[in-house]
Amino acid sequence: MNKIAITGNIGSGKTSCCRILEIMGYPIYYADKQAKFLMENDPELKHKISQLFGPKSYSGNKLNRTYLARRVFSNAEALNELNSIVHPAVHADMNKWMERHRKNGEQTAFEEAALTFEAGHQNSFDYVITVAAPPHVLIDRVVSRDNSSKEDVENRLNKQMSQKEKCRQSDAIILNDGHHSLIFQLENIIDRFDL
């Protein structure tokens, strides 16, 4: 089975591309969404988070996102610690998901994940596709989507690998600048990789 990662920086349009691929009939594993699910439902992961960040990490069975965000987004070491326990749990879950789809006869499955390269998972895939857009477009999209300040978005982008480096390491690039057809680019990649 072909395992393909769709990655890109915040605001690049990874989800838009994956929704098109779903309409085309491909199964998609949404890593960020699943990470949130696992942080609230995986007992081992919950235990590790509580050990690292204390009992305030959870309110009842719910992840205390505000508390955790305050702890990790202003502290690079804390963010790295959180990622070091969440990324392996998500990666293991994704591998199980891929295996289920392989057993069901699927020929190709995709994972949407912003941090494929940052987590060092690029070699787990047959192909890595990066969705890219001009920096001002990325910033404008996230400001409007999340109601964030331009400075907050720039800070978040600065914590991710540069778009240029992601593109350099990728097998294919999708330009999502509002002027180029995503469907056309995805169809070309599907043909090129013989999916």
Protein backbone atom coordinates (compact mmCIF):
# COMPACT_ATOMS: atom_id res chain seq x y z
CA MET A 1 0.00 0.00 0.00
CA ASN A 2 1.21 3.53 -0.81
CA LYS A 3 1.55 5.64 2.35
CA ILE A 4 1.63 9.34 1.57
CA ALA A 5 2.10 12.32 3.89
CA ILE A 6 0.48 15.66 3.17
CA THR A 7 2.35 18.32 5.11
CA GLY A 8 2.90 22.06 5.11
CA ASN A 9 3.05 25.00 7.44
CA ILE A 10 0.09 26.46 9.27
CA GLY A 11 -2.35 28.08 6.83
CA SER A 12 -0.99 26.29 3.77
CA GLY A 13 -4.23 24.46 2.99
CA LYS A 14 -3.38 20.86 3.88
CA THR A 15 -6.94 20.18 5.00
CA SER A 16 -8.41 21.60 1.77
CA CYS A 17 -6.21 19.24 -0.25
CA CYS A 18 -7.15 16.29 1.95
CA ARG A 19 -10.87 17.02 1.62
CA ILE A 20 -10.46 16.91 -2.18
CA LEU A 21 -8.60 13.59 -1.86
CA GLU A 22 -11.43 12.23 0.34
CA ILE A 23 -13.97 13.20 -2.34
CA MET A 24 -11.76 11.29 -4.81
CA GLY A 25 -12.17 8.26 -2.55
CA TYR A 26 -8.85 8.14 -0.69
CA PRO A 27 -8.75 7.47 3.08
CA ILE A 28 -7.17 10.29 5.12
CA TYR A 29 -5.67 10.13 8.61
CA TYR A 30 -5.89 13.58 10.22
CA ALA A 31 -2.94 13.58 12.65
CA ASP A 32 -3.72 16.83 14.49
CA LYS A 33 -7.33 15.84 15.11
CA GLN A 34 -6.27 12.36 16.24
CA ALA A 35 -3.59 13.81 18.54
CA LYS A 36 -6.30 15.75 20.38
CA PHE A 37 -8.41 12.59 20.64
CA LEU A 38 -5.51 10.51 21.96
CA MET A 39 -4.52 13.17 24.51
CA GLU A 40 -7.98 12.77 26.03
CA ASN A 41 -8.58 9.05 25.50
CA ASP A 42 -5.28 7.15 25.60
CA PRO A 43 -4.65 6.24 29.29
CA GLU A 44 -0.88 5.86 28.86
CA LEU A 45 -0.54 9.20 27.06
CA LYS A 46 -2.76 10.94 29.64
CA HIS A 47 -0.58 9.54 32.43
CA LYS A 48 2.61 10.80 30.75
CA ILE A 49 1.14 14.28 30.19
CA SER A 50 -0.01 14.48 33.81
CA GLN A 51 3.42 13.36 35.03
CA LEU A 52 5.18 15.99 32.90
CA PHE A 53 2.85 18.95 33.40
CA GLY A 54 1.02 18.17 36.63
CA PRO A 55 -2.59 17.40 37.62
CA LYS A 56 -3.86 20.70 36.17
CA SER A 57 -3.27 19.20 32.71
CA TYR A 58 -6.73 17.63 32.94
CA SER A 59 -10.01 18.87 34.30
CA GLY A 60 -11.96 15.69 34.93
CA ASN A 61 -11.30 13.61 31.82
CA LYS A 62 -10.90 16.65 29.57
CA LEU A 63 -7.53 18.02 28.53
CA ASN A 64 -7.04 21.50 29.99
CA ARG A 65 -5.94 23.03 26.67
CA THR A 66 -5.61 26.58 28.02
CA TYR A 67 -3.33 25.48 30.85
CA LEU A 68 -1.22 23.25 28.60
CA ALA A 69 -0.93 25.90 25.88
CA ARG A 70 0.32 28.42 28.45
CA ARG A 71 2.92 25.91 29.65
CA VAL A 72 4.28 24.88 26.25
CA PHE A 73 3.93 27.71 23.75
CA SER A 74 6.14 30.12 25.67
CA ASN A 75 8.68 27.42 26.57
CA ALA A 76 10.51 25.59 23.76
CA GLU A 77 11.81 22.88 26.12
CA ALA A 78 8.30 22.13 27.44
CA LEU A 79 6.92 22.03 23.88
CA ASN A 80 9.67 19.58 22.87
CA GLU A 81 8.85 17.40 25.90
CA LEU A 82 5.15 17.36 24.99
CA ASN A 83 5.93 16.56 21.35
CA SER A 84 8.31 13.78 22.42
CA ILE A 85 5.41 11.87 23.99
CA VAL A 86 2.53 12.87 21.70
CA HIS A 87 4.25 12.33 18.32
CA PRO A 88 5.17 8.67 18.93
CA ALA A 89 1.63 7.91 20.18
CA VAL A 90 0.08 9.50 17.08
CA HIS A 91 2.58 7.80 14.77
CA ALA A 92 1.82 4.38 16.29
CA ASP A 93 -1.93 5.05 15.97
CA MET A 94 -1.48 6.12 12.34
CA ASN A 95 0.47 2.94 11.55
CA LYS A 96 -2.38 0.81 13.01
CA TRP A 97 -4.88 2.85 10.97
CA MET A 98 -2.81 2.35 7.79
CA GLU A 99 -2.56 -1.39 8.48
CA ARG A 100 -6.36 -1.67 8.83
CA HIS A 101 -6.78 0.08 5.47
CA ARG A 102 -4.16 -2.16 3.86
CA LYS A 103 -6.00 -5.24 5.11
CA ASN A 104 -9.24 -3.79 3.70
CA GLY A 105 -7.61 -3.75 0.27
CA GLU A 106 -6.83 -0.03 -0.01
CA GLN A 107 -3.99 0.71 -2.42
CA THR A 108 -3.24 4.23 -1.15
CA ALA A 109 -3.82 6.17 2.07
CA PHE A 110 -2.81 9.66 3.14
CA GLU A 111 -1.84 11.25 6.44
CA GLU A 112 -2.36 14.98 6.99
CA ALA A 113 0.27 16.23 9.46
CA ALA A 114 1.84 19.65 9.85
CA LEU A 115 4.96 18.31 11.55
CA THR A 116 5.97 15.32 9.38
CA PHE A 117 9.53 16.60 8.98
CA GLU A 118 9.83 18.12 12.45
CA ALA A 119 8.85 14.77 14.00
CA GLY A 120 11.32 12.91 11.76
CA HIS A 121 8.58 10.73 10.23
CA GLN A 122 9.20 11.49 6.54
CA ASN A 123 10.96 8.16 5.97
CA SER A 124 7.84 6.27 7.11
CA PHE A 125 6.09 7.29 3.89
CA ASP A 126 6.46 6.34 0.25
CA TYR A 127 5.96 9.98 -0.73
CA VAL A 128 5.78 13.32 1.07
CA ILE A 129 3.75 16.14 -0.49
CA THR A 130 4.13 19.69 0.84
CA VAL A 131 1.34 22.21 0.44
CA ALA A 132 2.87 25.69 0.16
CA ALA A 133 1.72 29.29 -0.19
CA PRO A 134 3.43 32.71 -0.14
CA PRO A 135 4.17 33.79 3.46
CA HIS A 136 1.73 36.72 3.39
CA VAL A 137 -1.04 34.33 2.26
CA LEU A 138 -0.26 31.90 5.10
CA ILE A 139 -0.41 34.71 7.64
CA ASP A 140 -3.62 36.25 6.25
CA ARG A 141 -5.38 32.87 6.22
CA VAL A 142 -4.52 32.06 9.85
CA VAL A 143 -5.29 35.59 11.10
CA SER A 144 -8.75 35.35 9.54
CA ARG A 145 -9.37 31.70 10.47
CA ASP A 146 -8.19 31.80 14.09
CA ASN A 147 -8.81 35.47 14.85
CA SER A 148 -5.09 35.67 15.78
CA SER A 149 -2.75 38.63 15.57
CA LYS A 150 -0.20 38.77 12.76
CA GLU A 151 2.59 38.57 15.38
CA ASP A 152 1.11 35.39 16.93
CA VAL A 153 0.92 33.72 13.53
CA GLU A 154 4.49 34.76 12.66
CA ASN A 155 5.66 33.28 16.00
CA ARG A 156 3.88 30.00 15.25
CA LEU A 157 5.38 29.88 11.75
CA ASN A 158 8.85 30.55 13.15
CA LYS A 159 8.54 27.45 15.35
CA GLN A 160 7.93 25.26 12.28
CA MET A 161 10.53 24.14 9.75
CA SER A 162 10.76 26.69 6.94
CA GLN A 163 8.44 26.15 4.00
CA LYS A 164 11.46 26.31 1.67
CA GLU A 165 13.16 23.44 3.50
CA LYS A 166 9.97 21.33 3.54
CA CYS A 167 9.61 21.84 -0.21
CA ARG A 168 13.26 20.92 -0.76
CA GLN A 169 12.81 17.59 1.06
CA SER A 170 9.44 16.71 -0.52
CA ASP A 171 8.59 14.42 -3.41
CA ALA A 172 5.95 16.85 -4.69
CA ILE A 173 4.74 20.39 -3.98
CA ILE A 174 1.24 21.82 -4.24
CA LEU A 175 1.06 25.59 -4.63
CA ASN A 176 -2.05 26.83 -2.83
CA ASP A 177 -1.89 30.55 -3.58
CA GLY A 178 -5.50 30.99 -4.70
CA HIS A 179 -4.48 31.16 -8.37
CA HIS A 180 -3.57 27.53 -9.13
CA SER A 181 -6.13 24.71 -9.16
CA LEU A 182 -5.69 22.29 -6.25
CA ILE A 183 -7.69 19.60 -8.08
CA PHE A 184 -5.50 19.84 -11.18
CA GLN A 185 -2.29 19.69 -9.12
CA LEU A 186 -3.55 16.72 -7.07
CA GLU A 187 -4.61 14.85 -10.22
CA ASN A 188 -1.15 15.42 -11.73
CA ILE A 189 0.53 14.06 -8.59
CA ILE A 190 -1.78 11.03 -8.52
CA ASP A 191 -0.88 10.33 -12.16
CA ARG A 192 2.83 10.92 -11.56
CA PHE A 193 2.98 8.56 -8.59
CA ASP A 194 0.66 6.09 -10.37
CA LEU A 195 -1.83 6.01 -7.50
